[in-house]
């Protein structure tokens, strides 16, 4: 008769560790000491295996000195990333446990940067944490994917009274105000976790220097949006991009530290509280240094009037024009290279203007400019890029309801708000339409 009982087979490693455990915790006075010495020698050779970690932790937290001392020694000598990661994972799940205390004492941390920040935070190693993740970027990405008990652990630390954690609550940061490093960090996390819905939403908002690689990754992922109209958009973007390569974008570092700092000054409250009209006035009347900060403030806003963009584009000072190009405020969508009378602008601005344009600032005027482009603008790799841009701009302009991506303390992660998928005025360019009159 079968009562449904099953014997769960043990691996050779598990059988060996179970045998070592019996020998190490033996209570027989004389024979037990001999068995324990031999077991410790054998355990030394298998200490880095996954099966050995629970035994090592039990030894190190034992109340018996003859077990605690060698257990701590063996734990401190672990060097394999898999062993350390498994140990730190136990600490993350139970940050007040003796195992977590030992991980802190021996200076262990996970090999994955995101997980390392979470480990440092929940185990309350806040000085070390803020050296790694001052603006909570990695922590927010981990929090979004965490279980409810782990989220509670994060919240407990946030509410512990450390003043450095206060900025975590209620903060909102639009994607447009994120640095290149912050954007790449978020996209890297989406890729690592195969978060294709977020990658697709990033495609709809970020400049093409980020969006075109996303199209290629989605093409090879077999993932598709549930909405048929979004699915059609993705298929046509994949078709347009297929077979084309693009030059690597210039990073923020190539703009120079000084210019980056001037642009970041735009986050200062004296600029953030000014209206667009007042910022335009600063750009036209104040010194170039203050004008660049005003450009930085405008670049942090989800929408920008054509007048403001034109003011930056036609500024008599090259530094302001360079600042505008570096932040994608204006871009020559139909030009293949930067055109400016100043050498510094030509050499320092992003190489391919169309790849820098922020699609969240797309307007019907931009879509009309693409529709009126000459046939030469649709040739080659940059022509393919303009086709993708036209598809996405048509999506954004005709949808009429699309909230910008924000990083907010409420959910501790970059989140893309849903748009109204049932809107009757949502549509793609018709299948038989051709950009610029091309066949």
Foldseek 3Di string as FASTA:
>chain_A
DCPPDDDDDDDPVLVLLVVLLCLCPPPDPPSSVVSNVVSLVVCLVVVQDPNNLVVLLCQCPDPDPVRNVSSLVSVLPHDDLVSLQVLLVVCLLPVVDPSNVSCVVSVGAHPDLLRRLSSCQLVVVVVVNCVRCQPLLSVLLVLLVDDPSSVVSNVCSLPVPDPSSPCLAFDKAFPLLDFPVSVVSQVVSCVVVVVLVVLLVCLLWAFQLSNLVSLVVVVPPPDADPQPQRRVLSVVLNVLQPPADDDHKDHPVLLPPVLVVLLVLLVDPVNLPDDLVVLLVCLQPPDVSPNLSSLSVVSRDLEDDPVSLVSQCPPPDVSSVLSCQQSQVDFDLQDQADDDPDPCSRVRGIGGRRRRHGLSHQEVVVLVCFQQHAPVSLDGNSNSVSVSSNQSNLQVHQLPFFDGWMQTSVSSHTDGDDGDSPDPRGHGPDPPDDRNPDD
